[in-house]
Amino acid sequence: MKIGFIGVGAMAQAIIQGLLKAEFVPAQDILVHSAHQDHYEKYAAQYGLTPKESNLNCFRGFAGSIRRVDRLQPANSSQSAKYQL
């Protein structure tokens, strides 16, 4: 599963760090883009994320989107089923 973020401000970084800490998806499956290329490319390189050259490329090929994240748990959690888009 790939997860895309447009913008890597404080809220996006908090969500991304939570996803990485929970091992919800591999770092390279987190796609990022922002209006400030130097900022998102440095952030992506720091954590092994995949930088994208446009907002559209962040979501190209996606079959759906996550609308609520409060109930998602990592796929390796003993209390959850595997989540897929």
N, C-alpha and C. Protein backbone atom coordinates (compact mmCIF):
# COMPACT_ATOMS: atom_id res chain seq x y z
N MET A 1 0.84 -1.16 0.00
CA MET A 1 0.00 0.00 0.00
C MET A 1 0.90 1.24 0.00
N LYS A 2 0.56 2.20 -0.82
CA LYS A 2 1.29 3.46 -0.86
C LYS A 2 0.40 4.56 -0.27
N ILE A 3 1.03 5.49 0.43
CA ILE A 3 0.30 6.60 1.03
C ILE A 3 0.98 7.89 0.59
N GLY A 4 0.20 8.83 0.04
CA GLY A 4 0.75 10.06 -0.47
C GLY A 4 0.39 11.26 0.40
N PHE A 5 1.32 12.21 0.48
CA PHE A 5 1.11 13.44 1.23
C PHE A 5 1.45 14.62 0.34
N ILE A 6 0.53 15.58 0.27
CA ILE A 6 0.81 16.84 -0.40
C ILE A 6 1.12 17.83 0.71
N GLY A 7 2.35 18.25 0.76
CA GLY A 7 2.83 19.11 1.84
C GLY A 7 3.45 18.26 2.94
N VAL A 8 4.52 18.77 3.51
CA VAL A 8 5.18 18.05 4.61
C VAL A 8 5.37 18.99 5.79
N GLY A 9 4.27 19.66 6.14
CA GLY A 9 4.27 20.53 7.31
C GLY A 9 4.20 19.71 8.59
N ALA A 10 3.96 20.39 9.69
CA ALA A 10 3.98 19.76 11.00
C ALA A 10 2.97 18.60 11.11
N MET A 11 1.75 18.77 10.59
CA MET A 11 0.75 17.71 10.71
C MET A 11 1.15 16.49 9.86
N ALA A 12 1.56 16.72 8.62
CA ALA A 12 1.98 15.61 7.76
C ALA A 12 3.17 14.88 8.38
N GLN A 13 4.13 15.63 8.90
CA GLN A 13 5.30 14.99 9.52
C GLN A 13 4.91 14.16 10.72
N ALA A 14 3.96 14.63 11.52
CA ALA A 14 3.51 13.86 12.68
C ALA A 14 2.86 12.55 12.24
N ILE A 15 2.03 12.62 11.20
CA ILE A 15 1.37 11.40 10.70
C ILE A 15 2.41 10.46 10.11
N ILE A 16 3.32 11.00 9.32
CA ILE A 16 4.36 10.17 8.70
C ILE A 16 5.21 9.49 9.77
N GLN A 17 5.62 10.23 10.79
CA GLN A 17 6.43 9.64 11.85
C GLN A 17 5.67 8.54 12.57
N GLY A 18 4.36 8.73 12.78
CA GLY A 18 3.54 7.69 13.38
C GLY A 18 3.46 6.44 12.51
N LEU A 19 3.30 6.63 11.20
CA LEU A 19 3.27 5.49 10.27
C LEU A 19 4.59 4.73 10.29
N LEU A 20 5.69 5.47 10.31
CA LEU A 20 7.01 4.84 10.33
C LEU A 20 7.25 4.11 11.65
N LYS A 21 6.90 4.74 12.75
CA LYS A 21 7.11 4.12 14.07
C LYS A 21 6.28 2.84 14.22
N ALA A 22 5.06 2.87 13.69
CA ALA A 22 4.18 1.70 13.78
C ALA A 22 4.51 0.66 12.71
N GLU A 23 5.42 0.98 11.81
CA GLU A 23 5.77 0.11 10.69
C GLU A 23 4.53 -0.26 9.87
N PHE A 24 3.67 0.76 9.68
CA PHE A 24 2.42 0.55 8.95
C PHE A 24 2.68 0.28 7.47
N VAL A 25 3.63 0.99 6.90
CA VAL A 25 4.07 0.79 5.52
C VAL A 25 5.57 1.01 5.47
N PRO A 26 6.25 0.41 4.50
CA PRO A 26 7.69 0.72 4.34
C PRO A 26 7.88 2.19 4.00
N ALA A 27 8.96 2.77 4.44
CA ALA A 27 9.22 4.19 4.21
C ALA A 27 9.14 4.57 2.74
N GLN A 28 9.65 3.73 1.85
CA GLN A 28 9.65 4.06 0.43
C GLN A 28 8.24 4.08 -0.17
N ASP A 29 7.26 3.54 0.55
CA ASP A 29 5.87 3.56 0.08
C ASP A 29 5.12 4.81 0.53
N ILE A 30 5.81 5.72 1.21
CA ILE A 30 5.23 7.00 1.57
C ILE A 30 5.73 8.02 0.55
N LEU A 31 4.78 8.60 -0.20
CA LEU A 31 5.09 9.53 -1.28
C LEU A 31 4.83 10.95 -0.80
N VAL A 32 5.74 11.87 -1.11
CA VAL A 32 5.58 13.25 -0.65
C VAL A 32 5.85 14.25 -1.78
N HIS A 33 5.13 15.35 -1.72
CA HIS A 33 5.35 16.48 -2.61
C HIS A 33 4.95 17.74 -1.85
N SER A 34 5.55 18.85 -2.20
CA SER A 34 5.24 20.14 -1.58
C SER A 34 5.60 21.24 -2.55
N ALA A 35 5.11 22.42 -2.27
CA ALA A 35 5.45 23.57 -3.10
C ALA A 35 6.92 23.94 -2.97
N HIS A 36 7.53 23.54 -1.89
CA HIS A 36 8.94 23.88 -1.64
C HIS A 36 9.81 22.64 -1.85
N GLN A 37 10.36 22.52 -3.05
CA GLN A 37 11.10 21.32 -3.45
C GLN A 37 12.25 20.99 -2.50
N ASP A 38 13.01 21.98 -2.09
CA ASP A 38 14.15 21.70 -1.22
C ASP A 38 13.69 21.12 0.12
N HIS A 39 12.54 21.55 0.61
CA HIS A 39 12.04 21.06 1.89
C HIS A 39 11.59 19.60 1.80
N TYR A 40 10.74 19.28 0.82
CA TYR A 40 10.23 17.90 0.77
C TYR A 40 11.30 16.92 0.32
N GLU A 41 12.23 17.34 -0.52
CA GLU A 41 13.29 16.42 -0.93
C GLU A 41 14.23 16.10 0.23
N LYS A 42 14.57 17.09 1.04
CA LYS A 42 15.42 16.85 2.22
C LYS A 42 14.71 15.94 3.21
N TYR A 43 13.42 16.21 3.45
CA TYR A 43 12.65 15.39 4.39
C TYR A 43 12.55 13.95 3.88
N ALA A 44 12.28 13.79 2.60
CA ALA A 44 12.18 12.45 2.02
C ALA A 44 13.50 11.70 2.14
N ALA A 45 14.60 12.38 1.84
CA ALA A 45 15.92 11.74 1.93
C ALA A 45 16.24 11.36 3.37
N GLN A 46 15.87 12.20 4.32
CA GLN A 46 16.17 11.94 5.73
C GLN A 46 15.49 10.67 6.24
N TYR A 47 14.28 10.36 5.75
CA TYR A 47 13.53 9.22 6.27
C TYR A 47 13.31 8.09 5.25
N GLY A 48 13.90 8.21 4.07
CA GLY A 48 13.78 7.15 3.07
C GLY A 48 12.44 7.14 2.34
N LEU A 49 11.76 8.29 2.31
CA LEU A 49 10.47 8.40 1.63
C LEU A 49 10.70 8.62 0.14
N THR A 50 9.64 8.56 -0.64
CA THR A 50 9.74 8.75 -2.07
C THR A 50 9.22 10.14 -2.45
N PRO A 51 10.12 11.03 -2.88
CA PRO A 51 9.67 12.35 -3.31
C PRO A 51 9.05 12.27 -4.71
N LYS A 52 8.00 13.03 -4.93
CA LYS A 52 7.34 13.07 -6.25
C LYS A 52 7.43 14.48 -6.80
N GLU A 53 7.49 14.59 -8.12
CA GLU A 53 7.69 15.88 -8.76
C GLU A 53 6.43 16.73 -8.89
N SER A 54 5.26 16.16 -8.57
CA SER A 54 4.02 16.94 -8.63
C SER A 54 2.98 16.34 -7.70
N ASN A 55 1.96 17.15 -7.37
CA ASN A 55 0.86 16.65 -6.57
C ASN A 55 0.18 15.47 -7.26
N LEU A 56 -0.04 15.62 -8.55
CA LEU A 56 -0.70 14.57 -9.32
C LEU A 56 0.07 13.26 -9.24
N ASN A 57 1.38 13.32 -9.35
CA ASN A 57 2.19 12.10 -9.30
C ASN A 57 2.19 11.46 -7.91
N CYS A 58 1.80 12.19 -6.91
CA CYS A 58 1.69 11.63 -5.57
C CYS A 58 0.55 10.61 -5.51
N PHE A 59 -0.45 10.80 -6.36
CA PHE A 59 -1.65 9.96 -6.27
C PHE A 59 -1.99 9.22 -7.56
N ARG A 60 -1.15 9.31 -8.55
CA ARG A 60 -1.39 8.61 -9.81
C ARG A 60 -1.45 7.10 -9.56
N GLY A 61 -2.50 6.47 -10.06
CA GLY A 61 -2.63 5.03 -9.94
C GLY A 61 -3.29 4.57 -8.65
N PHE A 62 -3.67 5.51 -7.78
CA PHE A 62 -4.35 5.11 -6.54
C PHE A 62 -5.76 4.66 -6.85
N ALA A 63 -6.20 3.62 -6.16
CA ALA A 63 -7.55 3.11 -6.35
C ALA A 63 -8.53 3.74 -5.36
N GLY A 64 -8.04 4.40 -4.34
CA GLY A 64 -8.92 4.96 -3.33
C GLY A 64 -8.15 5.91 -2.44
N SER A 65 -8.79 6.35 -1.38
CA SER A 65 -8.13 7.26 -0.46
C SER A 65 -8.54 6.93 0.97
N ILE A 66 -7.71 7.34 1.92
CA ILE A 66 -8.04 7.16 3.33
C ILE A 66 -8.74 8.42 3.80
N ARG A 67 -9.92 8.27 4.32
CA ARG A 67 -10.66 9.43 4.80
C ARG A 67 -10.59 9.55 6.32
N ARG A 68 -10.43 8.45 7.01
CA ARG A 68 -10.31 8.48 8.48
C ARG A 68 -9.09 7.68 8.86
N VAL A 69 -8.25 8.25 9.70
CA VAL A 69 -7.06 7.52 10.11
C VAL A 69 -7.08 7.14 11.57
N ASP A 70 -8.14 7.51 12.29
CA ASP A 70 -8.17 7.25 13.72
C ASP A 70 -8.38 5.78 14.06
N ARG A 71 -8.85 4.97 13.12
CA ARG A 71 -9.11 3.56 13.41
C ARG A 71 -8.12 2.60 12.77
N LEU A 72 -7.20 3.12 12.00
CA LEU A 72 -6.24 2.26 11.33
C LEU A 72 -5.17 1.78 12.30
N GLN A 73 -4.80 0.54 12.14
CA GLN A 73 -3.72 -0.04 12.92
C GLN A 73 -2.77 -0.72 11.95
N PRO A 74 -1.51 -0.88 12.32
CA PRO A 74 -0.58 -1.53 11.40
C PRO A 74 -0.99 -2.96 11.08
N ALA A 75 -0.63 -3.40 9.90
CA ALA A 75 -1.01 -4.74 9.44
C ALA A 75 -0.42 -5.83 10.34
N ASN A 76 0.69 -5.55 11.02
CA ASN A 76 1.30 -6.58 11.86
C ASN A 76 0.75 -6.57 13.27
N SER A 77 -0.27 -5.75 13.54
CA SER A 77 -0.87 -5.70 14.86
C SER A 77 -1.70 -6.96 15.09
N SER A 78 -1.63 -7.51 16.27
CA SER A 78 -2.38 -8.72 16.58
C SER A 78 -3.88 -8.44 16.71
N GLN A 79 -4.26 -7.17 16.81
CA GLN A 79 -5.66 -6.80 17.00
C GLN A 79 -6.32 -6.32 15.72
N SER A 80 -5.65 -6.39 14.60
CA SER A 80 -6.24 -5.81 13.38
C SER A 80 -6.10 -6.72 12.19
N ALA A 81 -6.99 -6.51 11.23
CA ALA A 81 -6.88 -7.17 9.94
C ALA A 81 -6.00 -6.30 9.05
N LYS A 82 -5.53 -6.85 7.98
CA LYS A 82 -4.71 -6.07 7.06
C LYS A 82 -5.59 -5.08 6.31
N TYR A 83 -5.16 -3.80 6.30
CA TYR A 83 -5.91 -2.76 5.62
C TYR A 83 -5.35 -2.56 4.22
N GLN A 84 -6.26 -2.41 3.27
CA GLN A 84 -5.85 -2.15 1.90
C GLN A 84 -6.77 -1.09 1.32
N LEU A 85 -6.24 -0.33 0.38
CA LEU A 85 -7.08 0.64 -0.34
C LEU A 85 -7.84 -0.06 -1.42
